[in-house]
PDB file of N, CA and C in Angstrom:
ATOM      1  N   MET A   1     -76.267  38.892-108.167  1.00  0.00           N
ATOM      2  CA  MET A   1     -75.948  39.808-109.467  1.00  0.00           C
ATOM      3  C   MET A   1     -75.661  38.544-110.602  1.00  0.00           C
ATOM      4  N   GLN A   2     -75.966  38.324-111.149  1.00  0.00           N
ATOM      5  CA  GLN A   2     -75.690  37.793-112.747  1.00  0.00           C
ATOM      6  C   GLN A   2     -74.934  38.851-113.691  1.00  0.00           C
ATOM      7  N   LEU A   3     -73.790  38.180-113.801  1.00  0.00           N
ATOM      8  CA  LEU A   3     -73.215  38.897-114.889  1.00  0.00           C
ATOM      9  C   LEU A   3     -73.350  38.724-116.455  1.00  0.00           C
ATOM     10  N   ARG A   4     -73.982  40.078-116.976  1.00  0.00           N
ATOM     11  CA  ARG A   4     -74.025  39.482-118.315  1.00  0.00           C
ATOM     12  C   ARG A   4     -72.690  39.237-119.053  1.00  0.00           C
ATOM     13  N   LYS A   5     -72.676  38.653-120.273  1.00  0.00           N
ATOM     14  CA  LYS A   5     -71.694  38.562-120.899  1.00  0.00           C
ATOM     15  C   LYS A   5     -70.932  39.413-121.498  1.00  0.00           C
ATOM     16  N   ASN A   6     -69.466  39.467-120.731  1.00  0.00           N
ATOM     17  CA  ASN A   6     -68.681  40.391-121.361  1.00  0.00           C
ATOM     18  C   ASN A   6     -68.802  42.033-120.614  1.00  0.00           C
ATOM     19  N   LYS A   7     -69.701  42.295-120.382  1.00  0.00           N
ATOM     20  CA  LYS A   7     -70.074  43.582-119.668  1.00  0.00           C
ATOM     21  C   LYS A   7     -69.163  44.077-118.446  1.00  0.00           C
ATOM     22  N   TYR A   8     -68.886  43.040-117.756  1.00  0.00           N
ATOM     23  CA  TYR A   8     -67.903  43.637-116.590  1.00  0.00           C
ATOM     24  C   TYR A   8     -66.961  42.936-116.932  1.00  0.00           C
ATOM     25  N   LEU A   9     -66.621  41.858-117.714  1.00  0.00           N
ATOM     26  CA  LEU A   9     -65.226  41.125-117.700  1.00  0.00           C
ATOM     27  C   LEU A   9     -64.540  41.824-118.633  1.00  0.00           C
ATOM     28  N   THR A  10     -63.771  42.791-118.736  1.00  0.00           N
ATOM     29  CA  THR A  10     -62.988  43.826-119.462  1.00  0.00           C
ATOM     30  C   THR A  10     -61.824  43.614-119.174  1.00  0.00           C
ATOM     31  N   GLU A  11     -60.811  43.931-120.021  1.00  0.00           N
ATOM     32  CA  GLU A  11     -59.409  43.824-119.483  1.00  0.00           C
ATOM     33  C   GLU A  11     -59.340  45.051-118.257  1.00  0.00           C
ATOM     34  N   SER A  12     -59.760  46.188-118.275  1.00  0.00           N
ATOM     35  CA  SER A  12     -59.383  46.785-117.179  1.00  0.00           C
ATOM     36  C   SER A  12     -59.934  46.310-115.927  1.00  0.00           C
ATOM     37  N   ASN A  13     -61.103  45.819-116.048  1.00  0.00           N
ATOM     38  CA  ASN A  13     -61.502  45.578-114.979  1.00  0.00           C
ATOM     39  C   ASN A  13     -60.658  44.053-114.512  1.00  0.00           C
ATOM     40  N   TYR A  14     -60.241  43.359-115.459  1.00  0.00           N
ATOM     41  CA  TYR A  14     -59.244  42.021-114.921  1.00  0.00           C
ATOM     42  C   TYR A  14     -57.933  42.924-114.100  1.00  0.00           C
ATOM     43  N   ASP A  15     -57.343  43.669-114.785  1.00  0.00           N
ATOM     44  CA  ASP A  15     -56.308  44.317-114.248  1.00  0.00           C
ATOM     45  C   ASP A  15     -56.292  45.099-112.713  1.00  0.00           C
ATOM     46  N   SER A  16     -57.679  45.847-112.730  1.00  0.00           N
ATOM     47  CA  SER A  16     -57.999  45.964-111.400  1.00  0.00           C
ATOM     48  C   SER A  16     -58.036  45.107-110.395  1.00  0.00           C
ATOM     49  N   LEU A  17     -58.593  43.822-110.557  1.00  0.00           N
ATOM     50  CA  LEU A  17     -58.878  42.865-109.892  1.00  0.00           C
ATOM     51  C   LEU A  17     -57.640  42.041-109.484  1.00  0.00           C
ATOM     52  N   GLU A  18     -56.638  41.807-110.754  1.00  0.00           N
ATOM     53  CA  GLU A  18     -55.560  41.229-110.267  1.00  0.00           C
ATOM     54  C   GLU A  18     -54.824  42.247-109.433  1.00  0.00           C
ATOM     55  N   THR A  19     -54.590  43.745-109.624  1.00  0.00           N
ATOM     56  CA  THR A  19     -54.016  44.105-108.686  1.00  0.00           C
ATOM     57  C   THR A  19     -54.281  44.467-107.254  1.00  0.00           C
ATOM     58  N   LEU A  20     -55.884  44.299-107.006  1.00  0.00           N
ATOM     59  CA  LEU A  20     -56.306  44.456-105.606  1.00  0.00           C
ATOM     60  C   LEU A  20     -55.752  43.287-105.050  1.00  0.00           C
ATOM     61  N   ALA A  21     -56.051  41.885-105.872  1.00  0.00           N
ATOM     62  CA  ALA A  21     -55.393  40.452-105.269  1.00  0.00           C
ATOM     63  C   ALA A  21     -53.804  40.520-105.030  1.00  0.00           C
ATOM     64  N   ALA A  22     -53.456  40.846-105.719  1.00  0.00           N
ATOM     65  CA  ALA A  22     -51.648  41.068-105.314  1.00  0.00           C
ATOM     66  C   ALA A  22     -51.385  41.901-104.167  1.00  0.00           C
ATOM     67  N   PHE A  23     -52.276  43.018-103.952  1.00  0.00           N
ATOM     68  CA  PHE A  23     -51.787  44.009-102.430  1.00  0.00           C
ATOM     69  C   PHE A  23     -52.372  42.666-101.354  1.00  0.00           C
ATOM     70  N   GLY A  24     -53.637  42.212-101.481  1.00  0.00           N
ATOM     71  CA  GLY A  24     -54.131  41.385-100.459  1.00  0.00           C
ATOM     72  C   GLY A  24     -53.066  40.021-100.349  1.00  0.00           C
ATOM     73  N   ILE A  25     -53.015  39.621-101.634  1.00  0.00           N
ATOM     74  CA  ILE A  25     -52.072  38.604-101.280  1.00  0.00           C
ATOM     75  C   ILE A  25     -50.658  38.720-100.605  1.00  0.00           C
ATOM     76  N   SER A  26     -50.083  39.839-100.666  1.00  0.00           N
ATOM     77  CA  SER A  26     -48.788  40.229-100.364  1.00  0.00           C
ATOM     78  C   SER A  26     -48.853  40.505 -98.661  1.00  0.00           C
ATOM     79  N   PHE A  27     -50.060  41.006 -98.439  1.00  0.00           N
ATOM     80  CA  PHE A  27     -50.237  41.264 -97.046  1.00  0.00           C
ATOM     81  C   PHE A  27     -50.187  40.103 -96.129  1.00  0.00           C
ATOM     82  N   LEU A  28     -51.172  38.971 -97.052  1.00  0.00           N
ATOM     83  CA  LEU A  28     -51.333  37.719 -95.983  1.00  0.00           C
ATOM     84  C   LEU A  28     -49.804  36.857 -96.190  1.00  0.00           C
ATOM     85  N   ALA A  29     -49.174  37.172 -97.530  1.00  0.00           N
ATOM     86  CA  ALA A  29     -47.694  36.261 -97.262  1.00  0.00           C
ATOM     87  C   ALA A  29     -46.973  36.924 -96.485  1.00  0.00           C
ATOM     88  N   LYS A  30     -46.778  38.027 -96.454  1.00  0.00           N
ATOM     89  CA  LYS A  30     -46.308  38.859 -95.175  1.00  0.00           C
ATOM     90  C   LYS A  30     -46.578  38.039 -93.735  1.00  0.00           C
ATOM     91  N   GLU A  31     -47.769  38.152 -93.097  1.00  0.00           N
ATOM     92  CA  GLU A  31     -48.205  37.632 -92.151  1.00  0.00           C
ATOM     93  C   GLU A  31     -47.922  36.017 -91.857  1.00  0.00           C
ATOM     94  N   LEU A  32     -48.039  35.222 -93.014  1.00  0.00           N
ATOM     95  CA  LEU A  32     -47.653  34.203 -93.260  1.00  0.00           C
ATOM     96  C   LEU A  32     -46.266  33.663 -92.840  1.00  0.00           C
ATOM     97  N   VAL A  33     -45.028  34.391 -93.673  1.00  0.00           N
ATOM     98  CA  VAL A  33     -44.033  34.319 -93.062  1.00  0.00           C
ATOM     99  C   VAL A  33     -43.577  34.782 -91.849  1.00  0.00           C
ATOM    100  N   LYS A  34     -44.125  35.959 -91.495  1.00  0.00           N
ATOM    101  CA  LYS A  34     -43.589  36.286 -90.052  1.00  0.00           C
ATOM    102  C   LYS A  34     -43.917  35.353 -89.004  1.00  0.00           C
ATOM    103  N   LYS A  35     -45.212  34.780 -89.215  1.00  0.00           N
ATOM    104  CA  LYS A  35     -45.696  33.787 -88.067  1.00  0.00           C
ATOM    105  C   LYS A  35     -44.869  32.484 -88.110  1.00  0.00           C
ATOM    106  N   GLY A  36     -44.484  32.012 -89.485  1.00  0.00           N
ATOM    107  CA  GLY A  36     -43.623  30.680 -89.546  1.00  0.00           C
ATOM    108  C   GLY A  36     -42.051  31.104 -88.898  1.00  0.00           C
ATOM    109  N   TRP A  37     -41.812  32.448 -89.319  1.00  0.00           N
ATOM    110  CA  TRP A  37     -40.618  32.632 -88.496  1.00  0.00           C
ATOM    111  C   TRP A  37     -40.268  32.595 -87.003  1.00  0.00           C
ATOM    112  N   LYS A  38     -41.756  33.128 -86.583  1.00  0.00           N
ATOM    113  CA  LYS A  38     -41.689  33.044 -85.186  1.00  0.00           C
ATOM    114  C   LYS A  38     -41.413  31.549 -84.159  1.00  0.00           C
ATOM    115  N   LYS A  39     -42.539  30.788 -85.333  1.00  0.00           N
ATOM    116  CA  LYS A  39     -42.883  29.455 -84.643  1.00  0.00           C
ATOM    117  C   LYS A  39     -41.587  28.778 -84.874  1.00  0.00           C
ATOM    118  N   PHE A  40     -40.663  28.997 -85.829  1.00  0.00           N
ATOM    119  CA  PHE A  40     -39.725  27.732 -86.103  1.00  0.00           C
ATOM    120  C   PHE A  40     -38.311  28.567 -85.053  1.00  0.00           C
ATOM    121  N   THR A  41     -38.211  29.720 -84.917  1.00  0.00           N
ATOM    122  CA  THR A  41     -37.088  30.171 -84.808  1.00  0.00           C
ATOM    123  C   THR A  41     -37.011  30.537 -83.238  1.00  0.00           C
ATOM    124  N   LYS A  42     -38.598  30.869 -83.077  1.00  0.00           N
ATOM    125  CA  LYS A  42     -38.780  31.389 -81.589  1.00  0.00           C
ATOM    126  C   LYS A  42     -38.158  32.913 -81.285  1.00  0.00           C
ATOM    127  N   THR A  43     -37.723  33.693 -82.105  1.00  0.00           N
ATOM    128  CA  THR A  43     -37.745  34.830 -82.114  1.00  0.00           C
ATOM    129  C   THR A  43     -38.761  35.699 -83.127  1.00  0.00           C
ATOM    130  N   PRO A  44     -38.947  37.194 -82.671  1.00  0.00           N
ATOM    131  CA  PRO A  44     -39.398  37.667 -83.681  1.00  0.00           C
ATOM    132  C   PRO A  44     -38.889  38.155 -85.223  1.00  0.00           C
ATOM    133  N   PRO A  45     -39.639  38.058 -86.150  1.00  0.00           N
ATOM    134  CA  PRO A  45     -39.037  38.366 -87.591  1.00  0.00           C
ATOM    135  C   PRO A  45     -38.068  39.584 -87.725  1.00  0.00           C
ATOM    136  N   PRO A  46     -36.797  39.704 -88.374  1.00  0.00           N
ATOM    137  CA  PRO A  46     -35.712  40.698 -88.438  1.00  0.00           C
ATOM    138  C   PRO A  46     -36.037  41.372 -89.703  1.00  0.00           C
ATOM    139  N   GLU A  47     -37.189  42.299 -89.272  1.00  0.00           N
ATOM    140  CA  GLU A  47     -37.387  43.027 -90.413  1.00  0.00           C
ATOM    141  C   GLU A  47     -36.308  44.311 -90.606  1.00  0.00           C
ATOM    142  N   SER A  48     -35.744  44.596 -89.950  1.00  0.00           N
ATOM    143  CA  SER A  48     -34.802  46.115 -89.974  1.00  0.00           C
ATOM    144  C   SER A  48     -33.465  45.413 -89.793  1.00  0.00           C
ATOM    145  N   LEU A  49     -32.441  45.637 -90.909  1.00  0.00           N
ATOM    146  CA  LEU A  49     -30.966  45.663 -90.906  1.00  0.00           C
ATOM    147  C   LEU A  49     -30.411  46.578 -89.780  1.00  0.00           C
ATOM    148  N   TYR A  50     -31.242  47.297 -89.634  1.00  0.00           N
ATOM    149  CA  TYR A  50     -30.527  48.780 -88.667  1.00  0.00           C
ATOM    150  C   TYR A  50     -30.504  48.233 -87.043  1.00  0.00           C
ATOM    151  N   SER A  51     -31.200  47.276 -87.057  1.00  0.00           N
ATOM    152  CA  SER A  51     -31.438  46.778 -85.817  1.00  0.00           C
ATOM    153  C   SER A  51     -30.155  46.385 -85.188  1.00  0.00           C
ATOM    154  N   SER A  52     -29.668  46.227 -84.030  1.00  0.00           N
ATOM    155  CA  SER A  52     -28.509  46.092 -83.305  1.00  0.00           C
ATOM    156  C   SER A  52     -28.603  44.401 -82.785  1.00  0.00           C
ATOM    157  N   LYS A  53     -29.546  43.977 -82.821  1.00  0.00           N
ATOM    158  CA  LYS A  53     -30.170  43.003 -82.124  1.00  0.00           C
ATOM    159  C   LYS A  53     -30.281  41.692 -82.940  1.00  0.00           C
ATOM    160  N   VAL A  54     -30.155  41.623 -84.333  1.00  0.00           N
ATOM    161  CA  VAL A  54     -29.960  41.016 -85.306  1.00  0.00           C
ATOM    162  C   VAL A  54     -28.721  41.153 -86.593  1.00  0.00           C
ATOM    163  N   SER A  55     -28.727  39.822 -87.071  1.00  0.00           N
ATOM    164  CA  SER A  55     -27.728  40.096 -87.835  1.00  0.00           C
ATOM    165  C   SER A  55     -28.250  40.301 -89.077  1.00  0.00           C
ATOM    166  N   ALA A  56     -27.166  40.546 -90.162  1.00  0.00           N
ATOM    167  CA  ALA A  56     -27.558  40.956 -91.599  1.00  0.00           C
ATOM    168  C   ALA A  56     -27.774  39.362 -92.247  1.00  0.00           C
ATOM    169  N   LYS A  57     -27.384  38.331 -92.103  1.00  0.00           N
ATOM    170  CA  LYS A  57     -27.854  37.033 -92.146  1.00  0.00           C
ATOM    171  C   LYS A  57     -28.886  36.758 -92.178  1.00  0.00           C
ATOM    172  N   LYS A  58     -29.697  37.040 -90.770  1.00  0.00           N
ATOM    173  CA  LYS A  58     -30.962  36.873 -90.693  1.00  0.00           C
ATOM    174  C   LYS A  58     -31.838  37.976 -91.039  1.00  0.00           C
ATOM    175  N   VAL A  59     -31.593  38.723 -91.640  1.00  0.00           N
ATOM    176  CA  VAL A  59     -32.056  39.446 -92.091  1.00  0.00           C
ATOM    177  C   VAL A  59     -32.440  39.538 -94.050  1.00  0.00           C
ATOM    178  N   ILE A  60     -31.324  38.878 -94.218  1.00  0.00           N
ATOM    179  CA  ILE A  60     -31.259  38.382 -95.807  1.00  0.00           C
ATOM    180  C   ILE A  60     -32.098  37.289 -95.707  1.00  0.00           C
ATOM    181  N   LEU A  61     -31.857  36.313 -94.821  1.00  0.00           N
ATOM    182  CA  LEU A  61     -32.758  34.998 -95.046  1.00  0.00           C
ATOM    183  C   LEU A  61     -34.344  35.411 -94.954  1.00  0.00           C
ATOM    184  N   PHE A  62     -34.379  36.097 -93.696  1.00  0.00           N
ATOM    185  CA  PHE A  62     -35.981  36.506 -93.307  1.00  0.00           C
ATOM    186  C   PHE A  62     -36.616  37.073 -95.176  1.00  0.00           C
ATOM    187  N   SER A  63     -35.913  38.183 -95.787  1.00  0.00           N
ATOM    188  CA  SER A  63     -36.271  38.815 -96.862  1.00  0.00           C
ATOM    189  C   SER A  63     -36.486  37.982 -97.807  1.00  0.00           C
ATOM    190  N   MET A  64     -35.437  37.046 -98.445  1.00  0.00           N
ATOM    191  CA  MET A  64     -35.520  36.000 -98.864  1.00  0.00           C
ATOM    192  C   MET A  64     -36.760  35.266 -99.135  1.00  0.00           C
ATOM    193  N   SER A  65     -36.837  34.572 -97.687  1.00  0.00           N
ATOM    194  CA  SER A  65     -37.926  33.576 -97.563  1.00  0.00           C
ATOM    195  C   SER A  65     -39.302  34.641 -98.015  1.00  0.00           C
ATOM    196  N   LEU A  66     -39.574  35.559 -97.698  1.00  0.00           N
ATOM    197  CA  LEU A  66     -40.931  36.682 -97.799  1.00  0.00           C
ATOM    198  C   LEU A  66     -40.896  36.734 -99.256  1.00  0.00           C
ATOM    199  N   ALA A  67     -39.990  37.265-100.130  1.00  0.00           N
ATOM    200  CA  ALA A  67     -40.062  36.927-101.717  1.00  0.00           C
ATOM    201  C   ALA A  67     -40.411  35.941-102.318  1.00  0.00           C
ATOM    202  N   LEU A  68     -40.045  34.777-101.780  1.00  0.00           N
ATOM    203  CA  LEU A  68     -40.090  33.361-102.400  1.00  0.00           C
ATOM    204  C   LEU A  68     -41.667  33.250-102.144  1.00  0.00           C
ATOM    205  N   VAL A  69     -42.019  33.429-100.828  1.00  0.00           N
ATOM    206  CA  VAL A  69     -43.412  32.812-100.451  1.00  0.00           C
ATOM    207  C   VAL A  69     -44.560  33.725-101.603  1.00  0.00           C
ATOM    208  N   SER A  70     -44.011  35.250-101.315  1.00  0.00           N
ATOM    209  CA  SER A  70     -44.958  35.884-101.638  1.00  0.00           C
ATOM    210  C   SER A  70     -45.183  35.661-103.525  1.00  0.00           C
ATOM    211  N   MET A  71     -44.058  35.885-103.828  1.00  0.00           N
ATOM    212  CA  MET A  71     -44.023  35.750-105.798  1.00  0.00           C
ATOM    213  C   MET A  71     -44.614  34.396-105.792  1.00  0.00           C
ATOM    214  N   SER A  72     -44.449  33.130-104.967  1.00  0.00           N
ATOM    215  CA  SER A  72     -45.277  32.442-105.567  1.00  0.00           C
ATOM    216  C   SER A  72     -46.754  31.934-105.468  1.00  0.00           C
ATOM    217  N   ILE A  73     -47.095  32.661-104.605  1.00  0.00           N
ATOM    218  CA  ILE A  73     -48.946  32.902-103.982  1.00  0.00           C
ATOM    219  C   ILE A  73     -49.087  33.997-105.147  1.00  0.00           C
ATOM    220  N   LYS A  74     -48.661  34.728-105.374  1.00  0.00           N
ATOM    221  CA  LYS A  74     -48.890  35.570-106.380  1.00  0.00           C
ATOM    222  C   LYS A  74     -49.108  35.322-107.845  1.00  0.00           C
ATOM    223  N   LEU A  75     -48.007  34.297-107.986  1.00  0.00           N
ATOM    224  CA  LEU A  75     -48.275  33.840-109.401  1.00  0.00           C
ATOM    225  C   LEU A  75     -49.471  32.861-109.532  1.00  0.00           C
ATOM    226  N   LEU A  76     -49.611  32.049-108.275  1.00  0.00           N
ATOM    227  CA  LEU A  76     -50.851  30.786-108.283  1.00  0.00           C
ATOM    228  C   LEU A  76     -52.191  31.749-108.118  1.00  0.00           C
ATOM    229  N   THR A  77     -51.965  32.868-107.730  1.00  0.00           N
ATOM    230  CA  THR A  77     -53.307  33.532-107.670  1.00  0.00           C
ATOM    231  C   THR A  77     -53.609  33.819-109.028  1.00  0.00           C
ATOM    232  N   ARG A  78     -52.532  34.676-109.820  1.00  0.00           N
ATOM    233  CA  ARG A  78     -52.814  35.251-111.088  1.00  0.00           C
ATOM    234  C   ARG A  78     -53.356  34.092-112.043  1.00  0.00           C
ATOM    235  N   GLU A  79     -52.649  32.947-111.766  1.00  0.00           N
ATOM    236  CA  GLU A  79     -52.890  31.676-112.633  1.00  0.00           C
ATOM    237  C   GLU A  79     -54.441  31.314-112.284  1.00  0.00           C
ATOM    238  N   LEU A  80     -54.781  31.487-110.997  1.00  0.00           N
ATOM    239  CA  LEU A  80     -56.141  30.683-110.926  1.00  0.00           C
ATOM    240  C   LEU A  80     -57.230  31.998-111.135  1.00  0.00           C
ATOM    241  N   LEU A  81     -56.771  33.115-111.321  1.00  0.00           N
ATOM    242  CA  LEU A  81     -57.667  34.207-111.728  1.00  0.00           C
ATOM    243  C   LEU A  81     -57.946  34.382-113.039  1.00  0.00           C
ATOM    244  N   ALA A  82     -56.998  34.427-114.118  1.00  0.00           N
ATOM    245  CA  ALA A  82     -56.997  34.114-115.175  1.00  0.00           C
ATOM    246  C   ALA A  82     -57.924  32.749-115.807  1.00  0.00           C
ATOM    247  N   LYS A  83     -57.462  31.801-115.315  1.00  0.00           N
ATOM    248  CA  LYS A  83     -58.366  30.561-115.558  1.00  0.00           C
ATOM    249  C   LYS A  83     -59.929  30.878-115.347  1.00  0.00           C
ATOM    250  N   GLU A  84     -60.218  31.568-114.193  1.00  0.00           N
ATOM    251  CA  GLU A  84     -61.602  31.522-114.167  1.00  0.00           C
ATOM    252  C   GLU A  84     -62.194  32.686-114.907  1.00  0.00           C
ATOM    253  N   TRP A  85     -61.500  33.892-115.246  1.00  0.00           N
ATOM    254  CA  TRP A  85     -61.736  35.099-115.806  1.00  0.00           C
ATOM    255  C   TRP A  85     -62.235  34.443-117.397  1.00  0.00           C
ATOM    256  N   ASP A  86     -61.553  33.574-118.005  1.00  0.00           N
ATOM    257  CA  ASP A  86     -61.559  32.780-119.232  1.00  0.00           C
ATOM    258  C   ASP A  86     -62.545  32.111-119.057  1.00  0.00           C
ATOM    259  N   LYS A  87     -63.002  31.094-117.973  1.00  0.00           N
ATOM    260  CA  LYS A  87     -63.954  30.411-118.356  1.00  0.00           C
ATOM    261  C   LYS A  87     -65.262  31.440-118.376  1.00  0.00           C
ATOM    262  N   LEU A  88     -65.484  32.676-117.635  1.00  0.00           N
ATOM    263  CA  LEU A  88     -66.582  33.474-117.657  1.00  0.00           C
ATOM    264  C   LEU A  88     -66.478  34.246-118.914  1.00  0.00           C
ATOM    265  N   ASP A  89     -65.740  33.726-119.639  1.00  0.00           N
ATOM    266  CA  ASP A  89     -65.423  34.283-121.385  1.00  0.00           C
ATOM    267  C   ASP A  89     -65.434  35.974-121.264  1.00  0.00           C
ATOM    268  N   GLY A  90     -64.469  36.180-120.157  1.00  0.00           N
ATOM    269  CA  GLY A  90     -63.804  37.618-119.965  1.00  0.00           C
ATOM    270  C   GLY A  90     -62.647  37.705-120.860  1.00  0.00           C
ATOM    271  N   LYS A  91     -62.388  39.062-121.129  1.00  0.00           N
ATOM    272  CA  LYS A  91     -61.244  39.503-122.090  1.00  0.00           C
ATOM    273  C   LYS A  91     -60.332  39.382-121.474  1.00  0.00           C
ATOM    274  N   LEU A  92     -59.262  38.645-121.538  1.00  0.00           N
ATOM    275  CA  LEU A  92     -57.684  38.707-120.788  1.00  0.00           C
ATOM    276  C   LEU A  92     -56.835  40.032-121.395  1.00  0.00           C
ATOM    277  N   PRO A  93     -55.985  40.527-120.692  1.00  0.00           N
ATOM    278  CA  PRO A  93     -55.131  41.382-121.120  1.00  0.00           C
ATOM    279  C   PRO A  93     -53.806  40.545-122.045  1.00  0.00           C
ATOM    280  N   GLU A  94     -53.558  40.875-123.452  1.00  0.00           N
ATOM    281  CA  GLU A  94     -52.887  40.532-124.514  1.00  0.00           C
ATOM    282  C   GLU A  94     -51.566  39.454-123.644  1.00  0.00           C
ATOM    283  N   ARG A  95     -50.915  40.166-122.362  1.00  0.00           N
ATOM    284  CA  ARG A  95     -49.787  39.795-122.054  1.00  0.00           C
ATOM    285  C   ARG A  95     -50.120  38.120-121.428  1.00  0.00           C
ATOM    286  N   LEU A  96     -51.392  38.068-121.200  1.00  0.00           N
ATOM    287  CA  LEU A  96     -51.513  36.482-120.368  1.00  0.00           C
ATOM    288  C   LEU A  96     -52.126  35.565-121.423  1.00  0.00           C
ATOM    289  N   THR A  97     -52.448  36.227-122.786  1.00  0.00           N
ATOM    290  CA  THR A  97     -52.955  35.203-123.876  1.00  0.00           C
ATOM    291  C   THR A  97     -52.033  34.618-124.671  1.00  0.00           C
TER     292      THR A  97
END
């Protein structure tokens, strides 16, 4: 399917695609951090502060790692998506221009 200039490349379609990408990327980032935690610590990721088996320090470290990786990947994805959208002569939301 060939895109006709600007017919599908609207601000609302960009926002929808960006939201969908953010959810997907967040899921992948969480799985990446979980696998990395298992590999390096040889223990399951401490996802609950209420577990008696893990310390608050480990939960905070895991949460910070997850936030850092997730935000970094989201920002890179947003940047790449905006660049490609602009190349296709799509209309970007004002917050990105």
